[in-house]
PDB file of N, CA and C in Angstrom:
ATOM      1  N   MET A   1      13.576 222.287  10.281  1.00  0.00           N
ATOM      2  CA  MET A   1      13.233 220.774  11.328  1.00  0.00           C
ATOM      3  C   MET A   1      14.729 220.099  11.009  1.00  0.00           C
ATOM      4  N   ARG A   2      15.177 218.923  11.440  1.00  0.00           N
ATOM      5  CA  ARG A   2      15.839 218.476  11.759  1.00  0.00           C
ATOM      6  C   ARG A   2      15.242 216.634  11.621  1.00  0.00           C
ATOM      7  N   LEU A   3      15.771 216.046  10.567  1.00  0.00           N
ATOM      8  CA  LEU A   3      15.653 214.866  10.343  1.00  0.00           C
ATOM      9  C   LEU A   3      16.873 213.544  10.208  1.00  0.00           C
ATOM     10  N   PRO A   4      16.506 212.448  10.851  1.00  0.00           N
ATOM     11  CA  PRO A   4      17.380 211.956  10.635  1.00  0.00           C
ATOM     12  C   PRO A   4      18.098 211.139   9.254  1.00  0.00           C
ATOM     13  N   VAL A   5      18.995 211.462   9.315  1.00  0.00           N
ATOM     14  CA  VAL A   5      20.079 210.184   8.555  1.00  0.00           C
ATOM     15  C   VAL A   5      20.273 209.257   8.212  1.00  0.00           C
ATOM     16  N   SER A   6      19.125 208.813   6.774  1.00  0.00           N
ATOM     17  CA  SER A   6      19.030 206.916   6.643  1.00  0.00           C
ATOM     18  C   SER A   6      20.371 206.496   6.087  1.00  0.00           C
ATOM     19  N   ASN A   7      21.389 207.744   5.421  1.00  0.00           N
ATOM     20  CA  ASN A   7      22.444 207.331   4.400  1.00  0.00           C
ATOM     21  C   ASN A   7      23.196 207.747   4.274  1.00  0.00           C
ATOM     22  N   LEU A   8      24.439 207.319   3.869  1.00  0.00           N
ATOM     23  CA  LEU A   8      25.927 208.450   3.146  1.00  0.00           C
ATOM     24  C   LEU A   8      26.649 207.676   2.153  1.00  0.00           C
ATOM     25  N   THR A   9      26.323 208.167   1.428  1.00  0.00           N
ATOM     26  CA  THR A   9      27.360 207.487  -0.077  1.00  0.00           C
ATOM     27  C   THR A   9      28.113 207.815  -0.418  1.00  0.00           C
ATOM     28  N   SER A  10      29.646 207.741  -0.845  1.00  0.00           N
ATOM     29  CA  SER A  10      30.752 208.671  -1.260  1.00  0.00           C
ATOM     30  C   SER A  10      31.277 208.048  -2.406  1.00  0.00           C
ATOM     31  N   GLY A  11      31.789 208.734  -3.361  1.00  0.00           N
ATOM     32  CA  GLY A  11      32.091 208.432  -4.849  1.00  0.00           C
ATOM     33  C   GLY A  11      32.506 209.459  -5.809  1.00  0.00           C
ATOM     34  N   ARG A  12      31.541 209.722  -6.595  1.00  0.00           N
ATOM     35  CA  ARG A  12      32.083 210.955  -8.047  1.00  0.00           C
ATOM     36  C   ARG A  12      30.903 212.456  -6.830  1.00  0.00           C
ATOM     37  N   GLN A  13      30.141 211.926  -6.269  1.00  0.00           N
ATOM     38  CA  GLN A  13      29.557 212.759  -5.907  1.00  0.00           C
ATOM     39  C   GLN A  13      29.439 212.526  -4.325  1.00  0.00           C
ATOM     40  N   ASP A  14      29.092 213.036  -3.467  1.00  0.00           N
ATOM     41  CA  ASP A  14      28.886 212.449  -1.951  1.00  0.00           C
ATOM     42  C   ASP A  14      27.954 212.957  -1.624  1.00  0.00           C
ATOM     43  N   LEU A  15      26.348 211.931  -1.201  1.00  0.00           N
ATOM     44  CA  LEU A  15      25.546 212.263  -1.205  1.00  0.00           C
ATOM     45  C   LEU A  15      24.516 211.514   0.453  1.00  0.00           C
ATOM     46  N   ILE A  16      23.891 212.393   0.677  1.00  0.00           N
ATOM     47  CA  ILE A  16      23.538 212.294   2.185  1.00  0.00           C
ATOM     48  C   ILE A  16      21.777 211.548   2.368  1.00  0.00           C
ATOM     49  N   TYR A  17      21.138 210.529   3.039  1.00  0.00           N
ATOM     50  CA  TYR A  17      19.518 210.493   2.433  1.00  0.00           C
ATOM     51  C   TYR A  17      19.160 210.555   3.711  1.00  0.00           C
ATOM     52  N   PHE A  18      17.367 211.107   3.635  1.00  0.00           N
ATOM     53  CA  PHE A  18      16.814 211.469   5.120  1.00  0.00           C
ATOM     54  C   PHE A  18      15.454 211.366   4.282  1.00  0.00           C
ATOM     55  N   GLU A  19      14.273 210.363   5.115  1.00  0.00           N
ATOM     56  CA  GLU A  19      12.904 210.928   4.260  1.00  0.00           C
ATOM     57  C   GLU A  19      12.379 211.819   5.228  1.00  0.00           C
ATOM     58  N   PHE A  20      11.449 212.415   4.423  1.00  0.00           N
ATOM     59  CA  PHE A  20      10.767 213.886   5.148  1.00  0.00           C
ATOM     60  C   PHE A  20       9.391 213.329   4.052  1.00  0.00           C
ATOM     61  N   GLU A  21       8.417 213.514   5.150  1.00  0.00           N
ATOM     62  CA  GLU A  21       7.017 213.073   5.150  1.00  0.00           C
ATOM     63  C   GLU A  21       6.853 212.176   4.427  1.00  0.00           C
ATOM     64  N   GLY A  22       7.634 210.735   4.607  1.00  0.00           N
ATOM     65  CA  GLY A  22       6.791 209.240   4.193  1.00  0.00           C
ATOM     66  C   GLY A  22       8.234 209.225   2.574  1.00  0.00           C
ATOM     67  N   GLU A  23       9.026 210.458   2.103  1.00  0.00           N
ATOM     68  CA  GLU A  23       9.790 210.224   0.760  1.00  0.00           C
ATOM     69  C   GLU A  23      11.180 209.545   1.220  1.00  0.00           C
ATOM     70  N   LYS A  24      11.906 209.267   0.063  1.00  0.00           N
ATOM     71  CA  LYS A  24      12.832 209.702   0.273  1.00  0.00           C
ATOM     72  C   LYS A  24      13.812 210.322  -0.604  1.00  0.00           C
ATOM     73  N   TYR A  25      15.133 210.924   0.421  1.00  0.00           N
ATOM     74  CA  TYR A  25      15.727 212.113  -0.530  1.00  0.00           C
ATOM     75  C   TYR A  25      16.861 212.149  -0.490  1.00  0.00           C
ATOM     76  N   SER A  26      17.784 213.052  -0.913  1.00  0.00           N
ATOM     77  CA  SER A  26      19.110 212.928  -1.013  1.00  0.00           C
ATOM     78  C   SER A  26      19.560 214.370  -1.162  1.00  0.00           C
ATOM     79  N   LEU A  27      20.873 214.689  -0.421  1.00  0.00           N
ATOM     80  CA  LEU A  27      21.054 215.874  -1.173  1.00  0.00           C
ATOM     81  C   LEU A  27      22.542 216.183  -0.926  1.00  0.00           C
ATOM     82  N   ARG A  28      23.269 217.201  -1.683  1.00  0.00           N
ATOM     83  CA  ARG A  28      24.702 216.728  -1.927  1.00  0.00           C
ATOM     84  C   ARG A  28      25.903 217.275  -0.724  1.00  0.00           C
ATOM     85  N   TYR A  29      26.553 216.446  -0.022  1.00  0.00           N
ATOM     86  CA  TYR A  29      26.663 216.398   0.844  1.00  0.00           C
ATOM     87  C   TYR A  29      28.730 216.355   0.953  1.00  0.00           C
ATOM     88  N   SER A  30      29.492 217.124   1.468  1.00  0.00           N
ATOM     89  CA  SER A  30      30.437 217.530   1.430  1.00  0.00           C
ATOM     90  C   SER A  30      31.261 216.502   2.445  1.00  0.00           C
ATOM     91  N   ASN A  31      31.894 215.467   2.693  1.00  0.00           N
ATOM     92  CA  ASN A  31      32.221 214.606   3.868  1.00  0.00           C
ATOM     93  C   ASN A  31      33.280 215.147   3.963  1.00  0.00           C
ATOM     94  N   ARG A  32      32.857 215.617   5.615  1.00  0.00           N
ATOM     95  CA  ARG A  32      34.550 215.952   6.390  1.00  0.00           C
ATOM     96  C   ARG A  32      35.098 214.872   7.062  1.00  0.00           C
ATOM     97  N   ASP A  33      35.292 213.546   6.243  1.00  0.00           N
ATOM     98  CA  ASP A  33      36.403 213.043   6.623  1.00  0.00           C
ATOM     99  C   ASP A  33      35.520 212.179   7.731  1.00  0.00           C
ATOM    100  N   LEU A  34      34.242 212.452   7.469  1.00  0.00           N
ATOM    101  CA  LEU A  34      33.474 210.983   9.090  1.00  0.00           C
ATOM    102  C   LEU A  34      32.569 209.623   8.410  1.00  0.00           C
ATOM    103  N   GLU A  35      32.985 208.739   9.381  1.00  0.00           N
ATOM    104  CA  GLU A  35      32.868 207.825   8.689  1.00  0.00           C
ATOM    105  C   GLU A  35      31.395 207.445   8.524  1.00  0.00           C
ATOM    106  N   LYS A  36      31.127 206.819   7.559  1.00  0.00           N
ATOM    107  CA  LYS A  36      29.447 206.552   7.321  1.00  0.00           C
ATOM    108  C   LYS A  36      28.676 205.987   8.291  1.00  0.00           C
ATOM    109  N   GLN A  37      29.064 205.296   9.485  1.00  0.00           N
ATOM    110  CA  GLN A  37      28.178 204.867  10.519  1.00  0.00           C
ATOM    111  C   GLN A  37      28.276 205.454  11.590  1.00  0.00           C
ATOM    112  N   ASP A  38      29.685 206.909  11.194  1.00  0.00           N
ATOM    113  CA  ASP A  38      29.034 207.726  12.358  1.00  0.00           C
ATOM    114  C   ASP A  38      27.847 208.654  11.741  1.00  0.00           C
ATOM    115  N   VAL A  39      27.612 209.225  11.419  1.00  0.00           N
ATOM    116  CA  VAL A  39      26.866 210.167  10.403  1.00  0.00           C
ATOM    117  C   VAL A  39      26.087 209.643  10.307  1.00  0.00           C
ATOM    118  N   ILE A  40      25.340 208.380  10.404  1.00  0.00           N
ATOM    119  CA  ILE A  40      23.962 207.466  10.801  1.00  0.00           C
ATOM    120  C   ILE A  40      23.863 207.758  11.957  1.00  0.00           C
ATOM    121  N   ASN A  41      24.736 207.386  12.709  1.00  0.00           N
ATOM    122  CA  ASN A  41      24.716 207.453  14.081  1.00  0.00           C
ATOM    123  C   ASN A  41      24.357 208.194  14.928  1.00  0.00           C
ATOM    124  N   ASN A  42      25.035 209.472  14.163  1.00  0.00           N
ATOM    125  CA  ASN A  42      25.641 211.052  15.640  1.00  0.00           C
ATOM    126  C   ASN A  42      24.773 211.876  15.337  1.00  0.00           C
ATOM    127  N   TYR A  43      24.704 211.887  14.285  1.00  0.00           N
ATOM    128  CA  TYR A  43      24.253 212.809  13.066  1.00  0.00           C
ATOM    129  C   TYR A  43      22.441 213.226  12.717  1.00  0.00           C
ATOM    130  N   ASN A  44      22.321 214.511  12.460  1.00  0.00           N
ATOM    131  CA  ASN A  44      20.499 215.101  11.754  1.00  0.00           C
ATOM    132  C   ASN A  44      20.740 215.888  11.064  1.00  0.00           C
ATOM    133  N   ILE A  45      20.206 215.937   9.607  1.00  0.00           N
ATOM    134  CA  ILE A  45      20.223 217.138   8.880  1.00  0.00           C
ATOM    135  C   ILE A  45      19.124 218.017   8.810  1.00  0.00           C
ATOM    136  N   GLU A  46      19.770 219.359   8.829  1.00  0.00           N
ATOM    137  CA  GLU A  46      18.776 220.046   9.660  1.00  0.00           C
ATOM    138  C   GLU A  46      18.430 220.681   8.507  1.00  0.00           C
ATOM    139  N   LEU A  47      16.671 221.195   8.163  1.00  0.00           N
ATOM    140  CA  LEU A  47      16.273 221.447   6.397  1.00  0.00           C
ATOM    141  C   LEU A  47      16.032 223.170   6.792  1.00  0.00           C
ATOM    142  N   SER A  48      16.074 223.597   5.976  1.00  0.00           N
ATOM    143  CA  SER A  48      15.618 225.116   6.195  1.00  0.00           C
ATOM    144  C   SER A  48      14.798 225.150   4.832  1.00  0.00           C
ATOM    145  N   TYR A  49      13.272 224.954   4.344  1.00  0.00           N
ATOM    146  CA  TYR A  49      12.563 224.954   3.122  1.00  0.00           C
ATOM    147  C   TYR A  49      11.550 225.712   3.731  1.00  0.00           C
ATOM    148  N   SER A  50      10.706 226.054   2.348  1.00  0.00           N
ATOM    149  CA  SER A  50       9.475 226.811   1.894  1.00  0.00           C
ATOM    150  C   SER A  50       9.157 226.165   0.802  1.00  0.00           C
ATOM    151  N   PRO A  51       7.554 226.116   0.834  1.00  0.00           N
ATOM    152  CA  PRO A  51       6.367 225.874   0.533  1.00  0.00           C
ATOM    153  C   PRO A  51       6.809 225.973  -1.533  1.00  0.00           C
ATOM    154  N   SER A  52       6.250 225.614  -2.293  1.00  0.00           N
ATOM    155  CA  SER A  52       6.440 225.969  -3.948  1.00  0.00           C
ATOM    156  C   SER A  52       5.601 225.120  -4.364  1.00  0.00           C
ATOM    157  N   VAL A  53       5.311 225.468  -5.293  1.00  0.00           N
ATOM    158  CA  VAL A  53       4.258 224.772  -6.380  1.00  0.00           C
ATOM    159  C   VAL A  53       3.682 223.465  -6.492  1.00  0.00           C
ATOM    160  N   PHE A  54       2.377 222.888  -6.674  1.00  0.00           N
ATOM    161  CA  PHE A  54       2.604 221.505  -7.005  1.00  0.00           C
ATOM    162  C   PHE A  54       2.617 221.059  -5.550  1.00  0.00           C
ATOM    163  N   ASP A  55       2.726 220.843  -4.467  1.00  0.00           N
ATOM    164  CA  ASP A  55       2.819 220.043  -3.061  1.00  0.00           C
ATOM    165  C   ASP A  55       3.923 220.233  -3.203  1.00  0.00           C
ATOM    166  N   THR A  56       5.064 221.349  -3.364  1.00  0.00           N
ATOM    167  CA  THR A  56       6.400 220.027  -3.649  1.00  0.00           C
ATOM    168  C   THR A  56       7.031 221.430  -2.409  1.00  0.00           C
ATOM    169  N   TYR A  57       8.641 221.462  -2.401  1.00  0.00           N
ATOM    170  CA  TYR A  57       8.904 222.393  -1.236  1.00  0.00           C
ATOM    171  C   TYR A  57       9.920 222.693  -2.307  1.00  0.00           C
ATOM    172  N   VAL A  58      10.821 223.818  -1.800  1.00  0.00           N
ATOM    173  CA  VAL A  58      12.338 224.091  -2.301  1.00  0.00           C
ATOM    174  C   VAL A  58      13.224 224.064  -0.900  1.00  0.00           C
ATOM    175  N   VAL A  59      14.460 223.152  -1.294  1.00  0.00           N
ATOM    176  CA  VAL A  59      15.486 223.537   0.315  1.00  0.00           C
ATOM    177  C   VAL A  59      16.119 225.113   0.213  1.00  0.00           C
ATOM    178  N   LYS A  60      16.325 225.705   1.389  1.00  0.00           N
ATOM    179  CA  LYS A  60      16.428 226.761   0.940  1.00  0.00           C
ATOM    180  C   LYS A  60      18.505 226.434   1.409  1.00  0.00           C
ATOM    181  N   ASN A  61      18.392 225.646   2.809  1.00  0.00           N
ATOM    182  CA  ASN A  61      19.700 225.424   3.115  1.00  0.00           C
ATOM    183  C   ASN A  61      19.932 224.235   3.410  1.00  0.00           C
ATOM    184  N   TYR A  62      21.084 223.689   4.552  1.00  0.00           N
ATOM    185  CA  TYR A  62      20.932 222.260   4.958  1.00  0.00           C
ATOM    186  C   TYR A  62      22.125 222.416   5.697  1.00  0.00           C
ATOM    187  N   ARG A  63      21.869 221.290   6.793  1.00  0.00           N
ATOM    188  CA  ARG A  63      23.442 221.158   6.793  1.00  0.00           C
ATOM    189  C   ARG A  63      23.426 219.727   7.906  1.00  0.00           C
ATOM    190  N   ILE A  64      24.463 219.424   8.270  1.00  0.00           N
ATOM    191  CA  ILE A  64      24.852 218.123   9.208  1.00  0.00           C
ATOM    192  C   ILE A  64      25.130 218.913  11.079  1.00  0.00           C
ATOM    193  N   VAL A  65      24.277 218.112  11.577  1.00  0.00           N
ATOM    194  CA  VAL A  65      24.057 218.597  13.151  1.00  0.00           C
ATOM    195  C   VAL A  65      24.291 217.393  14.080  1.00  0.00           C
ATOM    196  N   HIS A  66      25.038 217.126  14.438  1.00  0.00           N
ATOM    197  CA  HIS A  66      25.382 216.583  16.667  1.00  0.00           C
ATOM    198  C   HIS A  66      24.156 216.188  16.710  1.00  0.00           C
ATOM    199  N   LYS A  67      23.141 215.091  17.255  1.00  0.00           N
ATOM    200  CA  LYS A  67      22.426 214.210  17.574  1.00  0.00           C
ATOM    201  C   LYS A  67      22.051 215.064  19.036  1.00  0.00           C
TER     202      LYS A  67
END
C-alpha cells in the first residue's frame, strides 16, 4: 500500500508521518539528506503489513518511494 507522507521530522530520531485508515502514525526513517518539503511533496511511504489481534496491524516493511 502506498500512502502520502504528511510530515518529516529530524532530530534525535528521524520520523516520517502518514495517515492510515483515518489515524495518524509515524515510523522511524533514516533521512538520506532529502529536504523536508521535497519528501512531503514528492514521496509516498510504501507499507507492507498484516492484520494482528484487536483490529490492529503489524508493519512488516516500509520504504519511501518517489510518486
